[in-house]
Every structure is written in C-alpha cells, then in structure tokens.
N, C-alpha and C. Protein backbone atom coordinates (compact mmCIF):
# COMPACT_ATOMS: atom_id res chain seq x y z
N MET A 1 163.11 74.01 98.40
CA MET A 1 163.34 72.84 97.56
C MET A 1 163.19 73.19 96.08
N GLU A 2 162.15 73.95 95.74
CA GLU A 2 161.90 74.31 94.35
C GLU A 2 163.06 75.14 93.79
N GLU A 3 163.62 76.04 94.62
CA GLU A 3 164.73 76.89 94.18
C GLU A 3 165.94 76.05 93.81
N LYS A 4 166.23 74.98 94.57
CA LYS A 4 167.37 74.12 94.25
C LYS A 4 167.17 73.40 92.93
N CYS A 5 165.92 73.02 92.62
CA CYS A 5 165.62 72.38 91.33
C CYS A 5 165.87 73.35 90.19
N VAL A 6 165.46 74.61 90.37
CA VAL A 6 165.68 75.63 89.35
C VAL A 6 167.17 75.85 89.17
N ASP A 7 167.93 75.95 90.28
CA ASP A 7 169.37 76.14 90.20
C ASP A 7 170.02 75.01 89.41
N LYS A 8 169.64 73.77 89.70
CA LYS A 8 170.22 72.62 88.99
C LYS A 8 169.87 72.66 87.51
N ARG A 9 168.63 73.03 87.21
CA ARG A 9 168.19 73.10 85.81
C ARG A 9 168.98 74.16 85.06
N VAL A 10 169.13 75.33 85.66
CA VAL A 10 169.89 76.42 85.02
C VAL A 10 171.34 75.98 84.81
N LYS A 11 171.92 75.36 85.80
CA LYS A 11 173.31 74.91 85.67
C LYS A 11 173.45 73.87 84.55
N GLN A 12 172.52 72.94 84.48
CA GLN A 12 172.58 71.90 83.44
C GLN A 12 172.38 72.49 82.06
N GLU A 13 171.41 73.36 81.92
CA GLU A 13 171.13 73.98 80.62
C GLU A 13 172.29 74.87 80.18
N THR A 14 172.89 75.57 81.13
CA THR A 14 174.05 76.41 80.79
C THR A 14 175.23 75.55 80.40
N LYS A 15 175.39 74.44 81.07
CA LYS A 15 176.48 73.51 80.72
C LYS A 15 176.31 73.03 79.28
N GLU A 16 175.07 72.76 78.89
CA GLU A 16 174.80 72.33 77.51
C GLU A 16 175.13 73.45 76.52
N ILE A 17 174.89 74.69 76.91
CA ILE A 17 175.22 75.83 76.04
C ILE A 17 176.73 75.97 75.89
N VAL A 18 177.45 76.01 77.02
CA VAL A 18 178.90 76.26 76.95
C VAL A 18 179.64 75.16 76.22
N GLU A 19 179.15 73.93 76.32
CA GLU A 19 179.85 72.81 75.70
C GLU A 19 179.77 72.84 74.17
N GLN A 20 178.97 73.76 73.63
CA GLN A 20 178.93 73.94 72.18
C GLN A 20 180.14 74.73 71.68
N TYR A 21 180.91 75.29 72.62
CA TYR A 21 182.03 76.17 72.28
C TYR A 21 183.32 75.63 72.87
N LEU A 22 184.43 76.03 72.25
CA LEU A 22 185.73 75.70 72.81
C LEU A 22 185.89 76.47 74.12
N PRO A 23 186.55 75.88 75.11
CA PRO A 23 186.73 76.56 76.40
C PRO A 23 187.80 77.66 76.32
N GLN A 24 187.52 78.67 75.51
CA GLN A 24 188.45 79.77 75.31
C GLN A 24 187.77 81.08 75.69
N LYS A 25 188.55 81.96 76.28
CA LYS A 25 188.05 83.22 76.79
C LYS A 25 187.32 84.05 75.72
N ASP A 26 187.78 83.96 74.48
CA ASP A 26 187.15 84.76 73.42
C ASP A 26 185.74 84.29 73.06
N GLN A 27 185.27 83.23 73.69
CA GLN A 27 183.92 82.74 73.47
C GLN A 27 182.91 83.35 74.46
N LEU A 28 183.40 84.15 75.41
CA LEU A 28 182.55 84.67 76.49
C LEU A 28 181.32 85.42 75.98
N ILE A 29 181.50 86.38 75.09
CA ILE A 29 180.38 87.19 74.61
C ILE A 29 179.34 86.31 73.92
N THR A 30 179.79 85.39 73.10
CA THR A 30 178.88 84.49 72.38
C THR A 30 178.08 83.64 73.36
N ILE A 31 178.75 83.11 74.36
CA ILE A 31 178.07 82.28 75.37
C ILE A 31 177.08 83.12 76.17
N LEU A 32 177.51 84.32 76.60
CA LEU A 32 176.59 85.19 77.34
C LEU A 32 175.36 85.52 76.50
N ASN A 33 175.57 85.75 75.22
CA ASN A 33 174.45 86.04 74.33
C ASN A 33 173.48 84.87 74.28
N ASP A 34 173.99 83.65 74.18
CA ASP A 34 173.12 82.46 74.15
C ASP A 34 172.34 82.31 75.45
N VAL A 35 173.00 82.55 76.57
CA VAL A 35 172.32 82.45 77.87
C VAL A 35 171.26 83.54 77.99
N GLN A 36 171.60 84.76 77.58
CA GLN A 36 170.64 85.88 77.60
C GLN A 36 169.42 85.54 76.74
N GLU A 37 169.64 84.96 75.58
CA GLU A 37 168.54 84.57 74.69
C GLU A 37 167.65 83.52 75.36
N LYS A 38 168.26 82.58 76.05
CA LYS A 38 167.49 81.49 76.67
C LYS A 38 166.64 81.96 77.85
N TYR A 39 167.21 82.78 78.73
CA TYR A 39 166.52 83.14 79.97
C TYR A 39 165.98 84.57 80.00
N GLY A 40 166.44 85.42 79.08
CA GLY A 40 166.03 86.82 79.12
C GLY A 40 166.90 87.64 80.06
N PHE A 41 167.82 86.98 80.74
CA PHE A 41 168.81 87.59 81.62
C PHE A 41 169.89 86.55 81.87
N ILE A 42 170.91 86.90 82.62
CA ILE A 42 171.99 85.96 82.88
C ILE A 42 172.02 85.62 84.36
N PRO A 43 171.42 84.48 84.73
CA PRO A 43 171.36 84.09 86.14
C PRO A 43 172.75 83.83 86.73
N LYS A 44 172.85 84.02 88.04
CA LYS A 44 174.13 83.81 88.73
C LYS A 44 174.62 82.37 88.55
N GLN A 45 173.70 81.41 88.58
CA GLN A 45 174.10 80.00 88.40
C GLN A 45 174.76 79.80 87.04
N ALA A 46 174.24 80.49 86.01
CA ALA A 46 174.82 80.39 84.67
C ALA A 46 176.22 81.02 84.66
N GLN A 47 176.36 82.14 85.35
CA GLN A 47 177.67 82.81 85.41
C GLN A 47 178.71 81.88 86.04
N MET A 48 178.29 81.14 87.05
CA MET A 48 179.20 80.21 87.73
C MET A 48 179.68 79.12 86.78
N VAL A 49 178.75 78.58 85.99
CA VAL A 49 179.10 77.54 85.03
C VAL A 49 180.07 78.09 83.97
N ILE A 50 179.76 79.29 83.48
CA ILE A 50 180.61 79.93 82.46
C ILE A 50 182.00 80.20 83.03
N SER A 51 182.06 80.70 84.26
CA SER A 51 183.33 80.99 84.93
C SER A 51 184.20 79.74 85.00
N GLU A 52 183.60 78.66 85.42
CA GLU A 52 184.35 77.41 85.55
C GLU A 52 184.79 76.88 84.19
N TYR A 53 183.89 76.90 83.22
CA TYR A 53 184.19 76.34 81.89
C TYR A 53 185.29 77.12 81.18
N LEU A 54 185.23 78.46 81.27
CA LEU A 54 186.21 79.29 80.56
C LEU A 54 187.40 79.69 81.42
N SER A 55 187.40 79.27 82.69
CA SER A 55 188.46 79.65 83.64
C SER A 55 188.62 81.17 83.71
N ILE A 56 187.47 81.84 83.86
CA ILE A 56 187.43 83.30 83.98
C ILE A 56 186.83 83.62 85.34
N PRO A 57 187.43 84.55 86.08
CA PRO A 57 186.86 84.91 87.38
C PRO A 57 185.44 85.47 87.24
N MET A 58 184.60 85.19 88.22
CA MET A 58 183.23 85.70 88.24
C MET A 58 183.20 87.22 88.11
N ALA A 59 184.15 87.90 88.74
CA ALA A 59 184.19 89.37 88.69
C ALA A 59 184.36 89.87 87.26
N GLU A 60 185.15 89.16 86.48
CA GLU A 60 185.35 89.55 85.08
C GLU A 60 184.07 89.34 84.26
N ILE A 61 183.39 88.24 84.52
CA ILE A 61 182.13 87.97 83.82
C ILE A 61 181.09 89.04 84.19
N TYR A 62 181.02 89.36 85.47
CA TYR A 62 180.12 90.42 85.93
C TYR A 62 180.44 91.74 85.23
N GLY A 63 181.72 92.05 85.11
CA GLY A 63 182.14 93.28 84.44
C GLY A 63 181.69 93.34 83.00
N VAL A 64 181.78 92.23 82.29
CA VAL A 64 181.34 92.18 80.89
C VAL A 64 179.82 92.34 80.82
N ILE A 65 179.11 91.64 81.68
CA ILE A 65 177.64 91.71 81.67
C ILE A 65 177.17 93.14 81.94
N THR A 66 177.78 93.79 82.90
CA THR A 66 177.32 95.14 83.26
C THR A 66 177.85 96.21 82.29
N PHE A 67 178.88 95.90 81.53
CA PHE A 67 179.40 96.87 80.54
C PHE A 67 178.49 96.95 79.32
N TYR A 68 178.04 95.81 78.83
CA TYR A 68 177.22 95.78 77.62
C TYR A 68 175.74 95.90 77.97
N SER A 69 175.07 96.88 77.37
CA SER A 69 173.66 97.09 77.68
C SER A 69 172.79 95.94 77.17
N ARG A 70 173.29 95.13 76.30
CA ARG A 70 172.55 93.98 75.76
C ARG A 70 172.27 92.95 76.87
N PHE A 71 173.18 92.87 77.83
CA PHE A 71 173.07 91.86 78.88
C PHE A 71 172.43 92.44 80.13
N THR A 72 171.76 91.58 80.87
CA THR A 72 171.14 92.02 82.12
C THR A 72 171.25 90.91 83.17
N LEU A 73 171.30 91.34 84.42
CA LEU A 73 171.42 90.41 85.54
C LEU A 73 170.08 90.03 86.15
N SER A 74 169.02 90.70 85.72
CA SER A 74 167.70 90.40 86.29
C SER A 74 166.68 90.26 85.17
N PRO A 75 165.62 89.52 85.43
CA PRO A 75 164.60 89.30 84.40
C PRO A 75 163.94 90.62 83.99
N LYS A 76 163.49 90.66 82.75
CA LYS A 76 162.77 91.82 82.22
C LYS A 76 161.33 91.41 81.98
N GLY A 77 160.48 92.42 81.82
CA GLY A 77 159.09 92.15 81.50
C GLY A 77 158.96 91.71 80.05
N LYS A 78 157.78 91.24 79.71
CA LYS A 78 157.49 90.86 78.33
C LYS A 78 157.75 92.05 77.42
N TYR A 79 157.40 93.24 77.90
CA TYR A 79 157.66 94.48 77.17
C TYR A 79 158.63 95.31 78.00
N ASN A 80 159.88 95.35 77.55
CA ASN A 80 160.89 96.12 78.25
C ASN A 80 160.96 97.51 77.64
N ILE A 81 160.69 98.51 78.46
CA ILE A 81 160.70 99.89 78.01
C ILE A 81 162.04 100.50 78.40
N SER A 82 162.77 100.96 77.39
CA SER A 82 164.05 101.62 77.62
C SER A 82 163.87 103.09 77.27
N ILE A 83 164.17 103.95 78.21
CA ILE A 83 164.04 105.38 77.99
C ILE A 83 165.43 105.98 78.00
N CYS A 84 165.78 106.65 76.89
CA CYS A 84 167.11 107.21 76.75
C CYS A 84 167.23 108.49 77.58
N LEU A 85 168.26 108.53 78.41
CA LEU A 85 168.57 109.73 79.18
C LEU A 85 169.92 110.30 78.78
N GLY A 86 170.37 109.95 77.57
CA GLY A 86 171.59 110.54 77.04
C GLY A 86 171.38 112.04 76.86
N THR A 87 172.45 112.76 76.63
CA THR A 87 172.39 114.23 76.59
C THR A 87 171.32 114.76 75.64
N ALA A 88 171.33 114.33 74.39
CA ALA A 88 170.36 114.84 73.40
C ALA A 88 168.93 114.56 73.84
N CYS A 89 168.67 113.35 74.29
CA CYS A 89 167.31 112.99 74.72
C CYS A 89 166.91 113.74 75.98
N TYR A 90 167.83 113.82 76.91
CA TYR A 90 167.53 114.49 78.18
C TYR A 90 167.18 115.97 77.95
N VAL A 91 167.98 116.63 77.13
CA VAL A 91 167.75 118.04 76.84
C VAL A 91 166.38 118.25 76.19
N LYS A 92 165.94 117.25 75.42
CA LYS A 92 164.66 117.38 74.72
C LYS A 92 163.49 116.78 75.51
N GLY A 93 163.69 116.43 76.78
CA GLY A 93 162.58 116.07 77.64
C GLY A 93 162.36 114.61 77.97
N SER A 94 163.38 113.78 77.82
CA SER A 94 163.17 112.35 78.10
C SER A 94 162.89 112.07 79.58
N GLN A 95 163.30 112.96 80.48
CA GLN A 95 162.99 112.76 81.90
C GLN A 95 161.48 112.73 82.11
N LYS A 96 160.74 113.51 81.34
CA LYS A 96 159.27 113.50 81.45
C LYS A 96 158.72 112.14 81.05
N LEU A 97 159.34 111.50 80.05
CA LEU A 97 158.92 110.16 79.64
C LEU A 97 159.17 109.15 80.75
N LEU A 98 160.35 109.25 81.37
CA LEU A 98 160.68 108.34 82.46
C LEU A 98 159.72 108.55 83.63
N ASP A 99 159.46 109.80 83.98
CA ASP A 99 158.53 110.08 85.08
C ASP A 99 157.15 109.51 84.79
N ARG A 100 156.72 109.64 83.54
CA ARG A 100 155.40 109.12 83.16
C ARG A 100 155.39 107.59 83.22
N ALA A 101 156.46 106.96 82.78
CA ALA A 101 156.54 105.50 82.82
C ALA A 101 156.45 105.00 84.27
N LYS A 102 157.17 105.65 85.16
CA LYS A 102 157.13 105.26 86.58
C LYS A 102 155.73 105.46 87.16
N GLU A 103 155.10 106.56 86.78
CA GLU A 103 153.75 106.85 87.26
C GLU A 103 152.73 105.85 86.73
N ARG A 104 152.78 105.58 85.44
CA ARG A 104 151.82 104.66 84.82
C ARG A 104 151.98 103.22 85.30
N LEU A 105 153.21 102.77 85.39
CA LEU A 105 153.47 101.36 85.67
C LEU A 105 153.72 101.09 87.15
N LYS A 106 153.91 102.14 87.92
CA LYS A 106 154.12 102.03 89.37
C LYS A 106 155.34 101.16 89.72
N ILE A 107 156.38 101.33 88.91
CA ILE A 107 157.66 100.66 89.16
C ILE A 107 158.78 101.66 88.89
N GLU A 108 159.96 101.32 89.36
CA GLU A 108 161.16 102.12 89.15
C GLU A 108 162.02 101.44 88.08
N PRO A 109 162.97 102.18 87.49
CA PRO A 109 163.89 101.54 86.54
C PRO A 109 164.56 100.32 87.18
N GLY A 110 164.65 99.27 86.38
CA GLY A 110 165.24 98.02 86.86
C GLY A 110 164.21 97.06 87.46
N GLN A 111 162.97 97.51 87.57
CA GLN A 111 161.93 96.66 88.15
C GLN A 111 160.97 96.14 87.07
N VAL A 112 160.19 95.14 87.47
CA VAL A 112 159.21 94.52 86.59
C VAL A 112 157.85 94.63 87.27
N THR A 113 156.80 94.89 86.49
CA THR A 113 155.46 94.94 87.06
C THR A 113 155.11 93.58 87.64
N PRO A 114 154.24 93.54 88.67
CA PRO A 114 153.89 92.27 89.30
C PRO A 114 153.37 91.20 88.33
N ASP A 115 152.72 91.63 87.24
CA ASP A 115 152.21 90.66 86.27
C ASP A 115 153.27 90.21 85.27
N GLY A 116 154.49 90.78 85.37
CA GLY A 116 155.57 90.39 84.48
C GLY A 116 155.46 90.97 83.08
N LYS A 117 154.52 91.86 82.87
CA LYS A 117 154.27 92.37 81.52
C LYS A 117 155.23 93.50 81.11
N PHE A 118 155.58 94.38 82.07
CA PHE A 118 156.41 95.53 81.74
C PHE A 118 157.62 95.64 82.66
N SER A 119 158.69 96.17 82.11
CA SER A 119 159.85 96.58 82.90
C SER A 119 160.35 97.89 82.32
N ILE A 120 161.07 98.63 83.14
CA ILE A 120 161.60 99.93 82.71
C ILE A 120 163.11 99.93 82.92
N ASP A 121 163.82 100.46 81.92
CA ASP A 121 165.24 100.72 82.04
C ASP A 121 165.51 102.15 81.62
N ASP A 122 166.37 102.84 82.36
CA ASP A 122 166.85 104.13 81.88
C ASP A 122 168.23 103.86 81.29
N VAL A 123 168.42 104.26 80.05
CA VAL A 123 169.67 103.97 79.35
C VAL A 123 170.34 105.28 78.97
N ARG A 124 171.62 105.22 78.71
CA ARG A 124 172.38 106.44 78.42
C ARG A 124 172.35 106.83 76.96
N CYS A 125 172.23 105.90 76.06
CA CYS A 125 172.15 106.25 74.63
C CYS A 125 171.69 105.03 73.85
N VAL A 126 170.76 105.24 72.94
CA VAL A 126 170.32 104.15 72.06
C VAL A 126 170.83 104.38 70.63
N GLY A 127 171.61 105.44 70.44
CA GLY A 127 172.20 105.71 69.14
C GLY A 127 171.24 106.35 68.14
N ALA A 128 170.22 107.00 68.64
CA ALA A 128 169.24 107.65 67.75
C ALA A 128 169.09 109.11 68.17
N CYS A 129 170.21 109.77 68.38
CA CYS A 129 170.20 111.14 68.91
C CYS A 129 169.43 112.12 68.03
N GLY A 130 169.42 111.89 66.73
CA GLY A 130 168.70 112.76 65.81
C GLY A 130 167.19 112.67 65.98
N LEU A 131 166.71 111.65 66.68
CA LEU A 131 165.28 111.46 66.92
C LEU A 131 164.87 111.82 68.35
N ALA A 132 165.76 112.45 69.08
CA ALA A 132 165.53 112.73 70.50
C ALA A 132 164.25 113.53 70.73
N PRO A 133 163.56 113.22 71.84
CA PRO A 133 163.80 112.15 72.82
C PRO A 133 163.28 110.80 72.31
N VAL A 134 163.94 109.76 72.76
CA VAL A 134 163.67 108.41 72.27
C VAL A 134 163.35 107.47 73.42
N PHE A 135 162.38 106.57 73.17
CA PHE A 135 162.18 105.43 74.04
C PHE A 135 161.99 104.21 73.15
N MET A 136 162.22 103.05 73.73
CA MET A 136 162.07 101.80 73.00
C MET A 136 161.17 100.86 73.78
N VAL A 137 160.42 100.05 73.07
CA VAL A 137 159.72 98.93 73.67
C VAL A 137 160.28 97.70 72.97
N ASN A 138 161.00 96.89 73.73
CA ASN A 138 161.80 95.79 73.18
C ASN A 138 162.71 96.39 72.11
N ASP A 139 162.57 96.00 70.86
CA ASP A 139 163.48 96.51 69.83
C ASP A 139 162.85 97.61 68.97
N GLU A 140 161.66 98.03 69.29
CA GLU A 140 160.98 99.06 68.49
C GLU A 140 161.30 100.45 69.05
N VAL A 141 161.80 101.32 68.18
CA VAL A 141 162.22 102.66 68.58
C VAL A 141 161.11 103.66 68.29
N TYR A 142 160.87 104.53 69.28
CA TYR A 142 159.90 105.62 69.13
C TYR A 142 160.66 106.93 69.30
N GLY A 143 160.79 107.68 68.20
CA GLY A 143 161.55 108.92 68.22
C GLY A 143 160.66 110.15 68.27
N ASN A 144 161.29 111.29 68.59
CA ASN A 144 160.57 112.56 68.75
C ASN A 144 159.36 112.35 69.66
N ALA A 145 159.56 111.58 70.70
CA ALA A 145 158.48 111.10 71.55
C ALA A 145 157.93 112.19 72.47
N THR A 146 156.63 112.10 72.67
CA THR A 146 155.95 112.96 73.63
C THR A 146 155.33 112.07 74.70
N VAL A 147 154.94 112.68 75.80
CA VAL A 147 154.27 111.91 76.86
C VAL A 147 152.96 111.34 76.32
N LYS A 148 152.27 112.11 75.49
CA LYS A 148 151.00 111.64 74.89
C LYS A 148 151.25 110.38 74.04
N GLU A 149 152.28 110.42 73.19
CA GLU A 149 152.60 109.26 72.37
C GLU A 149 152.99 108.07 73.25
N PHE A 150 153.78 108.34 74.29
CA PHE A 150 154.18 107.28 75.20
C PHE A 150 152.95 106.59 75.78
N ASP A 151 151.97 107.40 76.24
CA ASP A 151 150.74 106.83 76.80
C ASP A 151 150.00 105.98 75.77
N GLU A 152 149.95 106.45 74.53
CA GLU A 152 149.26 105.69 73.48
C GLU A 152 149.94 104.35 73.22
N VAL A 153 151.27 104.35 73.21
CA VAL A 153 152.01 103.11 72.99
C VAL A 153 151.77 102.15 74.15
N ILE A 154 151.85 102.64 75.37
CA ILE A 154 151.63 101.79 76.54
C ILE A 154 150.21 101.24 76.55
N ASP A 155 149.24 102.06 76.19
CA ASP A 155 147.85 101.59 76.10
C ASP A 155 147.73 100.42 75.13
N ARG A 156 148.42 100.52 73.99
CA ARG A 156 148.37 99.42 73.00
C ARG A 156 148.93 98.13 73.58
N TYR A 157 150.08 98.25 74.26
CA TYR A 157 150.69 97.05 74.82
C TYR A 157 149.88 96.49 76.00
N MET A 158 149.22 97.34 76.72
CA MET A 158 148.39 96.86 77.84
C MET A 158 147.22 96.02 77.35
N LYS A 159 146.74 96.32 76.16
CA LYS A 159 145.60 95.57 75.58
C LYS A 159 146.02 94.20 75.09
N GLU A 160 147.32 94.03 74.83
CA GLU A 160 147.80 92.72 74.30
C GLU A 160 147.88 91.68 75.38
C-alpha cells in the first residue's frame, strides 16, 4: 500500500515539473535535470510521466539517462564517491582507490551503504586527467589521490 502512495506522489510531482515546459522533445534534458534535482535520481514513475508528456518512448528516455553521467536510475548516498577509472587515472593507480572504497564501505559500485550515507560509482572520466588519479565526493574533486588521502577524506565524512 505504501509503495502505491509513493508511486502516485512521484507521478503527481513529476507532472507538476513537466507542465512547466512546453511538450517538446528538446525539453527532455531540462526536465530530467529537474527530476534528478528533486529526487537525487530519476524514478521509473517519473520516466513514465515524461514519456507520456513529451511523446517520447521510454527506451529513448532510458538511453538519455544512461548516456549522461549526470543522471542516475537509482538513489545515491548523501556522499556519493566517484572514482575515475579512465586511462590516465587507472594507469596512476585509481583501481587501488576503488578497492579501498569497497573495502571500507562494504559496498560495490552502484550501491548505497545501509545507512544511506555513502554510495560508490566507478566513472570513466571526470575531466581532470592532469590530476590523476582522481576521486570525487559529490562535487568536490580530490586529485593526485592516494589511498591514505582517500581514507582521511572518508574519515572526515564519517564524522559528519
């Protein structure tokens, strides 16, 4: 019963978002951005509302969401850790950062800790190759990162 209430709420709130825009396909990214801002991810119920409003197939909306790293299909933790595994970062040891993140937080990429505080993503490039290896916590970039620095950063966030 509770799940149906959440579904209805998400659909209604998404309807309020989409109705701020003309029902034109070129509004998709802007609408997805608003939904992502509201929920921290783009729920399936929201995708359905957007699909109907813009007359765009669900598959196309899914394709856009999964193409842009800004968008996500599942909730993230309060502190989302993104570890770059692009070529420059990988060569300089970013896999060690990812291994440490999984060990410390006891989750895999794409998962959220049970308390909802942390999530991990492995990303292909954050555009800071000159600072490799790089990880991010939300929008804060940590370059030339070491496992020791990673631990210090995580310790700080765990205290918050």
